[in-house]
PDB file of all heavy atoms in Angstrom:
ATOM      1  N   ASP A   1     105.625 112.298 104.139  1.00  0.00           N
ATOM      2  CA  ASP A   1     105.493 113.060 102.904  1.00  0.00           C
ATOM      3  C   ASP A   1     106.467 112.486 101.879  1.00  0.00           C
ATOM      4  O   ASP A   1     107.530 111.978 102.245  1.00  0.00           O
ATOM      5  CB  ASP A   1     105.794 114.536 103.174  1.00  0.00           C
ATOM      6  CG  ASP A   1     105.236 115.451 102.095  1.00  0.00           C
ATOM      7  OD1 ASP A   1     104.527 114.947 101.201  1.00  0.00           O
ATOM      8  OD2 ASP A   1     105.489 116.658 102.163  1.00  0.00           O
ATOM      9  N   GLU A   2     106.077 112.546 100.614  1.00  0.00           N
ATOM     10  CA  GLU A   2     106.906 111.991  99.542  1.00  0.00           C
ATOM     11  C   GLU A   2     107.245 110.530  99.828  1.00  0.00           C
ATOM     12  O   GLU A   2     108.397 110.104  99.754  1.00  0.00           O
ATOM     13  CB  GLU A   2     108.174 112.816  99.358  1.00  0.00           C
ATOM     14  CG  GLU A   2     107.917 114.284  99.044  1.00  0.00           C
ATOM     15  CD  GLU A   2     109.197 115.106  98.991  1.00  0.00           C
ATOM     16  OE1 GLU A   2     110.286 114.505  98.946  1.00  0.00           O
ATOM     17  OE2 GLU A   2     109.104 116.336  99.001  1.00  0.00           O
ATOM     18  N   ILE A   3     106.223 109.741 100.166  1.00  0.00           N
ATOM     19  CA  ILE A   3     106.427 108.342 100.537  1.00  0.00           C
ATOM     20  C   ILE A   3     107.041 107.548  99.381  1.00  0.00           C
ATOM     21  O   ILE A   3     107.717 106.544  99.609  1.00  0.00           O
ATOM     22  CB  ILE A   3     105.080 107.704 100.978  1.00  0.00           C
ATOM     23  CG1 ILE A   3     105.283 106.285 101.529  1.00  0.00           C
ATOM     24  CG2 ILE A   3     104.086 107.687  99.842  1.00  0.00           C
ATOM     25  CD1 ILE A   3     106.000 106.232 102.835  1.00  0.00           C
ATOM     26  N   ASP A   4     106.859 108.009  98.143  1.00  0.00           N
ATOM     27  CA  ASP A   4     107.420 107.295  96.993  1.00  0.00           C
ATOM     28  C   ASP A   4     108.947 107.282  97.021  1.00  0.00           C
ATOM     29  O   ASP A   4     109.584 106.355  96.512  1.00  0.00           O
ATOM     30  CB  ASP A   4     106.926 107.904  95.687  1.00  0.00           C
ATOM     31  CG  ASP A   4     107.122 109.406  95.632  1.00  0.00           C
ATOM     32  OD1 ASP A   4     106.383 110.116  96.339  1.00  0.00           O
ATOM     33  OD2 ASP A   4     108.007 109.878  94.909  1.00  0.00           O
ATOM     34  N   SER A   5     109.562 108.310  97.622  1.00  0.00           N
ATOM     35  CA  SER A   5     111.025 108.350  97.708  1.00  0.00           C
ATOM     36  C   SER A   5     111.549 107.391  98.768  1.00  0.00           C
ATOM     37  O   SER A   5     112.706 106.970  98.719  1.00  0.00           O
ATOM     38  CB  SER A   5     111.497 109.769  98.032  1.00  0.00           C
ATOM     39  OG  SER A   5     111.046 110.170  99.317  1.00  0.00           O
ATOM     40  N   LEU A   6     110.690 107.024  99.707  1.00  0.00           N
ATOM     41  CA  LEU A   6     111.090 106.122 100.795  1.00  0.00           C
ATOM     42  C   LEU A   6     110.718 104.682 100.488  1.00  0.00           C
ATOM     43  O   LEU A   6     111.397 103.756 100.943  1.00  0.00           O
ATOM     44  CB  LEU A   6     110.399 106.561 102.092  1.00  0.00           C
ATOM     45  CG  LEU A   6     110.689 105.765 103.357  1.00  0.00           C
ATOM     46  CD1 LEU A   6     112.150 105.914 103.750  1.00  0.00           C
ATOM     47  CD2 LEU A   6     109.797 106.244 104.499  1.00  0.00           C
ATOM     48  N   ALA A   7     109.661 104.485  99.722  1.00  0.00           N
ATOM     49  CA  ALA A   7     109.136 103.137  99.497  1.00  0.00           C
ATOM     50  C   ALA A   7     108.915 102.876  98.018  1.00  0.00           C
ATOM     51  O   ALA A   7     107.873 102.354  97.623  1.00  0.00           O
ATOM     52  CB  ALA A   7     107.834 102.960 100.270  1.00  0.00           C
ATOM     53  N   SER A   8     109.883 103.233  97.205  1.00  0.00           N
ATOM     54  CA  SER A   8     109.761 102.957  95.775  1.00  0.00           C
ATOM     55  C   SER A   8     109.919 101.466  95.530  1.00  0.00           C
ATOM     56  O   SER A   8     110.400 100.721  96.392  1.00  0.00           O
ATOM     57  CB  SER A   8     110.817 103.737  94.993  1.00  0.00           C
ATOM     58  OG  SER A   8     112.116 103.412  95.451  1.00  0.00           O
ATOM     59  N   GLN A   9     109.496 101.032  94.358  1.00  0.00           N
ATOM     60  CA  GLN A   9     109.506  99.608  94.044  1.00  0.00           C
ATOM     61  C   GLN A   9     110.910  99.041  94.172  1.00  0.00           C
ATOM     62  O   GLN A   9     111.882  99.603  93.685  1.00  0.00           O
ATOM     63  CB  GLN A   9     108.966  99.377  92.634  1.00  0.00           C
ATOM     64  CG  GLN A   9     107.506  99.793  92.496  1.00  0.00           C
ATOM     65  CD  GLN A   9     106.948  99.471  91.132  1.00  0.00           C
ATOM     66  OE1 GLN A   9     107.418  98.569  90.450  1.00  0.00           O
ATOM     67  NE2 GLN A   9     105.938 100.216  90.724  1.00  0.00           N
ATOM     68  N   ARG A  10     110.979  97.876  94.843  1.00  0.00           N
ATOM     69  CA  ARG A  10     112.274  97.270  95.112  1.00  0.00           C
ATOM     70  C   ARG A  10     112.911  96.722  93.844  1.00  0.00           C
ATOM     71  O   ARG A  10     112.239  96.226  92.961  1.00  0.00           O
ATOM     72  CB  ARG A  10     112.127  96.155  96.151  1.00  0.00           C
ATOM     73  CG  ARG A  10     111.974  96.681  97.556  1.00  0.00           C
ATOM     74  CD  ARG A  10     111.684  95.583  98.539  1.00  0.00           C
ATOM     75  NE  ARG A  10     110.284  95.151  98.440  1.00  0.00           N
ATOM     76  CZ  ARG A  10     109.683  94.360  99.329  1.00  0.00           C
ATOM     77  NH1 ARG A  10     110.354  93.938 100.375  1.00  0.00           N
ATOM     78  NH2 ARG A  10     108.421  94.012  99.178  1.00  0.00           N
ATOM     79  N   GLU A  11     114.226  96.802  93.821  1.00  0.00           N
ATOM     80  CA  GLU A  11     114.980  96.272  92.697  1.00  0.00           C
ATOM     81  C   GLU A  11     115.252  94.791  92.927  1.00  0.00           C
ATOM     82  O   GLU A  11     115.036  94.260  94.008  1.00  0.00           O
ATOM     83  CB  GLU A  11     116.288  97.054  92.540  1.00  0.00           C
ATOM     84  CG  GLU A  11     116.071  98.554  92.313  1.00  0.00           C
ATOM     85  CD  GLU A  11     117.369  99.330  92.360  1.00  0.00           C
ATOM     86  OE1 GLU A  11     118.420  98.698  92.555  1.00  0.00           O
ATOM     87  OE2 GLU A  11     117.320 100.560  92.215  1.00  0.00           O
ATOM     88  N   SER A  12     115.749  94.149  91.904  1.00  0.00           N
ATOM     89  CA  SER A  12     115.990  92.699  91.975  1.00  0.00           C
ATOM     90  C   SER A  12     117.369  92.388  92.544  1.00  0.00           C
ATOM     91  O   SER A  12     118.017  91.427  92.157  1.00  0.00           O
ATOM     92  CB  SER A  12     115.870  92.089  90.575  1.00  0.00           C
ATOM     93  OG  SER A  12     116.775  92.701  89.688  1.00  0.00           O
ATOM     94  N   SER A  13     117.829  93.226  93.491  1.00  0.00           N
ATOM     95  CA  SER A  13     119.185  93.047  94.029  1.00  0.00           C
ATOM     96  C   SER A  13     119.155  92.422  95.418  1.00  0.00           C
ATOM     97  O   SER A  13     120.068  92.597  96.199  1.00  0.00           O
ATOM     98  CB  SER A  13     119.896  94.396  94.079  1.00  0.00           C
ATOM     99  OG  SER A  13     119.094  95.346  94.767  1.00  0.00           O
ATOM    100  N   GLU A  14     118.063  91.713  95.728  1.00  0.00           N
ATOM    101  CA  GLU A  14     117.943  90.994  97.007  1.00  0.00           C
ATOM    102  C   GLU A  14     118.180  91.912  98.199  1.00  0.00           C
ATOM    103  O   GLU A  14     118.767  91.534  99.199  1.00  0.00           O
ATOM    104  CB  GLU A  14     118.937  89.817  97.060  1.00  0.00           C
ATOM    105  CG  GLU A  14     118.710  88.782  95.979  1.00  0.00           C
ATOM    106  CD  GLU A  14     117.335  88.112  96.083  1.00  0.00           C
ATOM    107  OE1 GLU A  14     116.855  87.972  97.214  1.00  0.00           O
ATOM    108  OE2 GLU A  14     116.769  87.745  95.061  1.00  0.00           O
ATOM    109  N   GLY A  15     117.703  93.140  98.101  1.00  0.00           N
ATOM    110  CA  GLY A  15     117.775  94.052  99.243  1.00  0.00           C
ATOM    111  C   GLY A  15     119.156  94.562  99.547  1.00  0.00           C
ATOM    112  O   GLY A  15     119.457  94.935 100.668  1.00  0.00           O
ATOM    113  N   SER A  16     120.047  94.577  98.552  1.00  0.00           N
ATOM    114  CA  SER A  16     121.422  94.962  98.830  1.00  0.00           C
ATOM    115  C   SER A  16     121.590  96.465  98.986  1.00  0.00           C
ATOM    116  O   SER A  16     122.525  96.914  99.622  1.00  0.00           O
ATOM    117  CB  SER A  16     122.340  94.459  97.701  1.00  0.00           C
ATOM    118  OG  SER A  16     121.957  95.043  96.466  1.00  0.00           O
ATOM    119  N   ASN A  17     120.701  97.284  98.390  1.00  0.00           N
ATOM    120  CA  ASN A  17     120.896  98.723  98.514  1.00  0.00           C
ATOM    121  C   ASN A  17     120.075  99.277  99.669  1.00  0.00           C
ATOM    122  O   ASN A  17     119.160  98.627 100.185  1.00  0.00           O
ATOM    123  CB  ASN A  17     120.572  99.437  97.191  1.00  0.00           C
ATOM    124  CG  ASN A  17     119.117  99.299  96.796  1.00  0.00           C
ATOM    125  OD1 ASN A  17     118.226  99.587  97.594  1.00  0.00           O
ATOM    126  ND2 ASN A  17     118.860  98.876  95.578  1.00  0.00           N
ATOM    127  N   VAL A  18     120.404 100.503 100.062  1.00  0.00           N
ATOM    128  CA  VAL A  18     119.806 101.077 101.263  1.00  0.00           C
ATOM    129  C   VAL A  18     118.302 101.277 101.102  1.00  0.00           C
ATOM    130  O   VAL A  18     117.538 101.115 102.058  1.00  0.00           O
ATOM    131  CB  VAL A  18     120.525 102.398 101.627  1.00  0.00           C
ATOM    132  CG1 VAL A  18     120.331 103.443 100.540  1.00  0.00           C
ATOM    133  CG2 VAL A  18     120.054 102.921 102.967  1.00  0.00           C
ATOM    134  N   GLY A  19     117.852 101.631  99.897  1.00  0.00           N
ATOM    135  CA  GLY A  19     116.428 101.823  99.680  1.00  0.00           C
ATOM    136  C   GLY A  19     115.629 100.565  99.947  1.00  0.00           C
ATOM    137  O   GLY A  19     114.568 100.600 100.579  1.00  0.00           O
ATOM    138  N   ASN A  20     116.121  99.427  99.494  1.00  0.00           N
ATOM    139  CA  ASN A  20     115.448  98.155  99.728  1.00  0.00           C
ATOM    140  C   ASN A  20     115.400  97.824 101.211  1.00  0.00           C
ATOM    141  O   ASN A  20     114.389  97.341 101.734  1.00  0.00           O
ATOM    142  CB  ASN A  20     116.157  97.032  98.974  1.00  0.00           C
ATOM    143  CG  ASN A  20     115.965  97.124  97.477  1.00  0.00           C
ATOM    144  OD1 ASN A  20     115.214  97.976  96.988  1.00  0.00           O
ATOM    145  ND2 ASN A  20     116.642  96.267  96.739  1.00  0.00           N
ATOM    146  N   ARG A  21     116.509  98.070 101.905  1.00  0.00           N
ATOM    147  CA  ARG A  21     116.558  97.738 103.328  1.00  0.00           C
ATOM    148  C   ARG A  21     115.627  98.628 104.139  1.00  0.00           C
ATOM    149  O   ARG A  21     114.982  98.169 105.093  1.00  0.00           O
ATOM    150  CB  ARG A  21     117.996  97.868 103.846  1.00  0.00           C
ATOM    151  CG  ARG A  21     118.978  96.899 103.189  1.00  0.00           C
ATOM    152  CD  ARG A  21     120.251  96.753 104.014  1.00  0.00           C
ATOM    153  NE  ARG A  21     120.883  98.042 104.275  1.00  0.00           N
ATOM    154  CZ  ARG A  21     121.782  98.613 103.468  1.00  0.00           C
ATOM    155  NH1 ARG A  21     122.140  98.011 102.345  1.00  0.00           N
ATOM    156  NH2 ARG A  21     122.335  99.756 103.789  1.00  0.00           N
ATOM    157  N   VAL A  22     115.542  99.910 103.775  1.00  0.00           N
ATOM    158  CA  VAL A  22     114.654 100.823 104.483  1.00  0.00           C
ATOM    159  C   VAL A  22     113.203 100.419 104.272  1.00  0.00           C
ATOM    160  O   VAL A  22     112.396 100.416 105.207  1.00  0.00           O
ATOM    161  CB  VAL A  22     114.887 102.278 104.023  1.00  0.00           C
ATOM    162  CG1 VAL A  22     113.771 103.190 104.506  1.00  0.00           C
ATOM    163  CG2 VAL A  22     116.228 102.784 104.541  1.00  0.00           C
ATOM    164  N   LEU A  23     112.842 100.064 103.050  1.00  0.00           N
ATOM    165  CA  LEU A  23     111.474  99.625 102.778  1.00  0.00           C
ATOM    166  C   LEU A  23     111.149  98.363 103.561  1.00  0.00           C
ATOM    167  O   LEU A  23     110.062  98.249 104.143  1.00  0.00           O
ATOM    168  CB  LEU A  23     111.292  99.379 101.283  1.00  0.00           C
ATOM    169  CG  LEU A  23     109.930  98.801 100.866  1.00  0.00           C
ATOM    170  CD1 LEU A  23     108.788  99.684 101.331  1.00  0.00           C
ATOM    171  CD2 LEU A  23     109.879  98.601  99.355  1.00  0.00           C
ATOM    172  N   THR A  24     112.079  97.429 103.601  1.00  0.00           N
ATOM    173  CA  THR A  24     111.866  96.202 104.375  1.00  0.00           C
ATOM    174  C   THR A  24     111.637  96.517 105.849  1.00  0.00           C
ATOM    175  O   THR A  24     110.735  95.968 106.488  1.00  0.00           O
ATOM    176  CB  THR A  24     113.077  95.262 104.234  1.00  0.00           C
ATOM    177  OG1 THR A  24     113.239  94.912 102.851  1.00  0.00           O
ATOM    178  CG2 THR A  24     112.877  93.996 105.052  1.00  0.00           C
ATOM    179  N   GLN A  25     112.427  97.439 106.408  1.00  0.00           N
ATOM    180  CA  GLN A  25     112.254  97.822 107.807  1.00  0.00           C
ATOM    181  C   GLN A  25     110.916  98.506 108.026  1.00  0.00           C
ATOM    182  O   GLN A  25     110.235  98.282 109.038  1.00  0.00           O
ATOM    183  CB  GLN A  25     113.388  98.758 108.235  1.00  0.00           C
ATOM    184  CG  GLN A  25     113.386  99.111 109.718  1.00  0.00           C
ATOM    185  CD  GLN A  25     113.606  97.898 110.591  1.00  0.00           C
ATOM    186  OE1 GLN A  25     114.502  97.088 110.319  1.00  0.00           O
ATOM    187  NE2 GLN A  25     112.802  97.757 111.633  1.00  0.00           N
ATOM    188  N   LEU A  26     110.487  99.322 107.065  1.00  0.00           N
ATOM    189  CA  LEU A  26     109.196  99.996 107.165  1.00  0.00           C
ATOM    190  C   LEU A  26     108.059  98.982 107.187  1.00  0.00           C
ATOM    191  O   LEU A  26     107.115  99.105 107.992  1.00  0.00           O
ATOM    192  CB  LEU A  26     109.029 100.967 105.995  1.00  0.00           C
ATOM    193  CG  LEU A  26     107.740 101.788 105.943  1.00  0.00           C
ATOM    194  CD1 LEU A  26     107.624 102.691 107.166  1.00  0.00           C
ATOM    195  CD2 LEU A  26     107.691 102.627 104.668  1.00  0.00           C
ATOM    196  N   LEU A  27     108.137  97.971 106.346  1.00  0.00           N
ATOM    197  CA  LEU A  27     107.107  96.927 106.321  1.00  0.00           C
ATOM    198  C   LEU A  27     107.070  96.161 107.639  1.00  0.00           C
ATOM    199  O   LEU A  27     105.995  95.825 108.149  1.00  0.00           O
ATOM    200  CB  LEU A  27     107.369  95.970 105.155  1.00  0.00           C
ATOM    201  CG  LEU A  27     107.294  96.569 103.745  1.00  0.00           C
ATOM    202  CD1 LEU A  27     107.673  95.530 102.695  1.00  0.00           C
ATOM    203  CD2 LEU A  27     105.911  97.128 103.471  1.00  0.00           C
ATOM    204  N   ILE A  28     108.237  95.897 108.194  1.00  0.00           N
ATOM    205  CA  ILE A  28     108.313  95.193 109.480  1.00  0.00           C
ATOM    206  C   ILE A  28     107.647  96.008 110.581  1.00  0.00           C
ATOM    207  O   ILE A  28     106.880  95.478 111.396  1.00  0.00           O
ATOM    208  CB  ILE A  28     109.788  94.901 109.847  1.00  0.00           C
ATOM    209  CG1 ILE A  28     110.373  93.854 108.908  1.00  0.00           C
ATOM    210  CG2 ILE A  28     109.894  94.427 111.301  1.00  0.00           C
ATOM    211  CD1 ILE A  28     111.871  93.667 109.067  1.00  0.00           C
ATOM    212  N   GLU A  29     107.920  97.301 110.611  1.00  0.00           N
ATOM    213  CA  GLU A  29     107.346  98.159 111.641  1.00  0.00           C
ATOM    214  C   GLU A  29     105.827  98.268 111.500  1.00  0.00           C
ATOM    215  O   GLU A  29     105.099  98.254 112.496  1.00  0.00           O
ATOM    216  CB  GLU A  29     107.976  99.558 111.579  1.00  0.00           C
ATOM    217  CG  GLU A  29     109.456  99.597 111.892  1.00  0.00           C
ATOM    218  CD  GLU A  29     109.773  99.161 113.301  1.00  0.00           C
ATOM    219  OE1 GLU A  29     108.911  99.327 114.186  1.00  0.00           O
ATOM    220  OE2 GLU A  29     110.888  98.651 113.525  1.00  0.00           O
ATOM    221  N   ILE A  30     105.332  98.371 110.276  1.00  0.00           N
ATOM    222  CA  ILE A  30     103.886  98.466 110.070  1.00  0.00           C
ATOM    223  C   ILE A  30     103.199  97.185 110.496  1.00  0.00           C
ATOM    224  O   ILE A  30     102.166  97.202 111.169  1.00  0.00           O
ATOM    225  CB  ILE A  30     103.573  98.792 108.597  1.00  0.00           C
ATOM    226  CG1 ILE A  30     104.073 100.194 108.247  1.00  0.00           C
ATOM    227  CG2 ILE A  30     102.079  98.689 108.329  1.00  0.00           C
ATOM    228  CD1 ILE A  30     103.929 100.555 106.779  1.00  0.00           C
ATOM    229  N   ASP A  31     103.763  96.036 110.123  1.00  0.00           N
ATOM    230  CA  ASP A  31     103.161  94.759 110.505  1.00  0.00           C
ATOM    231  C   ASP A  31     103.172  94.571 112.008  1.00  0.00           C
ATOM    232  O   ASP A  31     102.270  93.957 112.581  1.00  0.00           O
ATOM    233  CB  ASP A  31     103.918  93.607 109.837  1.00  0.00           C
ATOM    234  CG  ASP A  31     103.674  93.557 108.338  1.00  0.00           C
ATOM    235  OD1 ASP A  31     102.668  94.149 107.892  1.00  0.00           O
ATOM    236  OD2 ASP A  31     104.479  92.943 107.627  1.00  0.00           O
ATOM    237  N   GLY A  32     104.182  95.141 112.675  1.00  0.00           N
ATOM    238  CA  GLY A  32     104.260  95.020 114.124  1.00  0.00           C
ATOM    239  C   GLY A  32     103.309  95.930 114.857  1.00  0.00           C
ATOM    240  O   GLY A  32     103.177  95.853 116.070  1.00  0.00           O
ATOM    241  N   MET A  33     102.610  96.810 114.134  1.00  0.00           N
ATOM    242  CA  MET A  33     101.736  97.776 114.777  1.00  0.00           C
ATOM    243  C   MET A  33     100.456  97.148 115.317  1.00  0.00           C
ATOM    244  O   MET A  33      99.642  97.816 115.929  1.00  0.00           O
ATOM    245  CB  MET A  33     101.379  98.902 113.800  1.00  0.00           C
ATOM    246  CG  MET A  33     102.552  99.807 113.506  1.00  0.00           C
ATOM    247  SD  MET A  33     102.131 101.165 112.404  1.00  0.00           S
ATOM    248  CE  MET A  33     100.998 102.090 113.418  1.00  0.00           C
ATOM    249  N   GLU A  34     100.247  95.856 115.093  1.00  0.00           N
ATOM    250  CA  GLU A  34      99.085  95.182 115.673  1.00  0.00           C
ATOM    251  C   GLU A  34      99.138  95.254 117.199  1.00  0.00           C
ATOM    252  O   GLU A  34      98.117  95.190 117.866  1.00  0.00           O
ATOM    253  CB  GLU A  34      99.044  93.730 115.214  1.00  0.00           C
ATOM    254  CG  GLU A  34      98.775  93.578 113.727  1.00  0.00           C
ATOM    255  CD  GLU A  34      98.792  92.139 113.278  1.00  0.00           C
ATOM    256  OE1 GLU A  34      99.087  91.270 114.117  1.00  0.00           O
ATOM    257  OE2 GLU A  34      98.521  91.888 112.098  1.00  0.00           O
ATOM    258  N   GLN A  35     100.334  95.389 117.752  1.00  0.00           N
ATOM    259  CA  GLN A  35     100.495  95.467 119.192  1.00  0.00           C
ATOM    260  C   GLN A  35     100.372  96.888 119.716  1.00  0.00           C
ATOM    261  O   GLN A  35     100.425  97.115 120.908  1.00  0.00           O
ATOM    262  CB  GLN A  35     101.863  94.889 119.590  1.00  0.00           C
ATOM    263  CG  GLN A  35     102.095  93.466 119.098  1.00  0.00           C
ATOM    264  CD  GLN A  35     101.050  92.508 119.610  1.00  0.00           C
ATOM    265  OE1 GLN A  35     100.644  92.588 120.777  1.00  0.00           O
ATOM    266  NE2 GLN A  35     100.597  91.596 118.759  1.00  0.00           N
ATOM    267  N   LEU A  36     100.236  97.861 118.814  1.00  0.00           N
ATOM    268  CA  LEU A  36     100.141  99.258 119.217  1.00  0.00           C
ATOM    269  C   LEU A  36      98.699  99.733 119.120  1.00  0.00           C
ATOM    270  O   LEU A  36      97.902  99.195 118.371  1.00  0.00           O
ATOM    271  CB  LEU A  36     101.018 100.142 118.329  1.00  0.00           C
ATOM    272  CG  LEU A  36     102.505  99.796 118.271  1.00  0.00           C
ATOM    273  CD1 LEU A  36     103.212 100.780 117.367  1.00  0.00           C
ATOM    274  CD2 LEU A  36     103.118  99.804 119.656  1.00  0.00           C
ATOM    275  N   LYS A  37      98.389 100.744 119.882  1.00  0.00           N
ATOM    276  CA  LYS A  37      97.063 101.327 119.831  1.00  0.00           C
ATOM    277  C   LYS A  37      97.170 102.809 119.498  1.00  0.00           C
ATOM    278  O   LYS A  37      98.037 103.506 119.998  1.00  0.00           O
ATOM    279  CB  LYS A  37      96.342 101.161 121.179  1.00  0.00           C
ATOM    280  CG  LYS A  37      95.982  99.717 121.508  1.00  0.00           C
ATOM    281  CD  LYS A  37      95.200  99.642 122.814  1.00  0.00           C
ATOM    282  CE  LYS A  37      94.806  98.208 123.127  1.00  0.00           C
ATOM    283  NZ  LYS A  37      94.041  98.120 124.402  1.00  0.00           N
ATOM    284  N   ASN A  38      96.257 103.239 118.652  1.00  0.00           N
ATOM    285  CA  ASN A  38      96.134 104.669 118.328  1.00  0.00           C
ATOM    286  C   ASN A  38      97.400 105.266 117.726  1.00  0.00           C
ATOM    287  O   ASN A  38      97.776 106.395 118.015  1.00  0.00           O
ATOM    288  CB  ASN A  38      95.716 105.459 119.568  1.00  0.00           C
ATOM    289  CG  ASN A  38      94.347 105.047 120.068  1.00  0.00           C
ATOM    290  OD1 ASN A  38      93.508 104.596 119.311  1.00  0.00           O
ATOM    291  ND2 ASN A  38      94.125 105.202 121.359  1.00  0.00           N
ATOM    292  N   VAL A  39      98.078 104.484 116.891  1.00  0.00           N
ATOM    293  CA  VAL A  39      99.178 104.989 116.089  1.00  0.00           C
ATOM    294  C   VAL A  39      98.777 104.795 114.635  1.00  0.00           C
ATOM    295  O   VAL A  39      98.479 103.688 114.206  1.00  0.00           O
ATOM    296  CB  VAL A  39     100.500 104.263 116.376  1.00  0.00           C
ATOM    297  CG1 VAL A  39     101.597 104.761 115.423  1.00  0.00           C
ATOM    298  CG2 VAL A  39     100.915 104.467 117.813  1.00  0.00           C
ATOM    299  N   PHE A  40      98.750 105.886 113.875  1.00  0.00           N
ATOM    300  CA  PHE A  40      98.265 105.856 112.504  1.00  0.00           C
ATOM    301  C   PHE A  40      99.341 106.360 111.555  1.00  0.00           C
ATOM    302  O   PHE A  40     100.099 107.276 111.895  1.00  0.00           O
ATOM    303  CB  PHE A  40      97.019 106.736 112.351  1.00  0.00           C
ATOM    304  CG  PHE A  40      95.910 106.392 113.306  1.00  0.00           C
ATOM    305  CD1 PHE A  40      95.830 107.007 114.547  1.00  0.00           C
ATOM    306  CD2 PHE A  40      94.945 105.467 112.950  1.00  0.00           C
ATOM    307  CE1 PHE A  40      94.814 106.698 115.430  1.00  0.00           C
ATOM    308  CE2 PHE A  40      93.919 105.159 113.831  1.00  0.00           C
ATOM    309  CZ  PHE A  40      93.848 105.761 115.070  1.00  0.00           C
ATOM    310  N   ILE A  41      99.389 105.757 110.378  1.00  0.00           N
ATOM    311  CA  ILE A  41     100.285 106.237 109.332  1.00  0.00           C
ATOM    312  C   ILE A  41      99.447 106.931 108.277  1.00  0.00           C
ATOM    313  O   ILE A  41      98.500 106.351 107.740  1.00  0.00           O
ATOM    314  CB  ILE A  41     101.058 105.084 108.678  1.00  0.00           C
ATOM    315  CG1 ILE A  41     101.921 104.362 109.700  1.00  0.00           C
ATOM    316  CG2 ILE A  41     101.940 105.609 107.538  1.00  0.00           C
ATOM    317  CD1 ILE A  41     102.601 103.138 109.128  1.00  0.00           C
ATOM    318  N   VAL A  42      99.784 108.179 107.995  1.00  0.00           N
ATOM    319  CA  VAL A  42      99.187 108.905 106.879  1.00  0.00           C
ATOM    320  C   VAL A  42     100.342 109.285 105.960  1.00  0.00           C
ATOM    321  O   VAL A  42     101.331 109.863 106.409  1.00  0.00           O
ATOM    322  CB  VAL A  42      98.431 110.161 107.342  1.00  0.00           C
ATOM    323  CG1 VAL A  42      97.848 110.898 106.136  1.00  0.00           C
ATOM    324  CG2 VAL A  42      97.309 109.788 108.312  1.00  0.00           C
TER     325      VAL A  42
END
């Protein structure tokens, strides 16, 4: 819920702030879901 607060557009600070790092980790986890079955993000 409120995904915009977790994945707002990244700033040009090369991922130095926590928001950028969390978004990067979220993208990594989603891309890794090819190995998972029956896990959905809504």
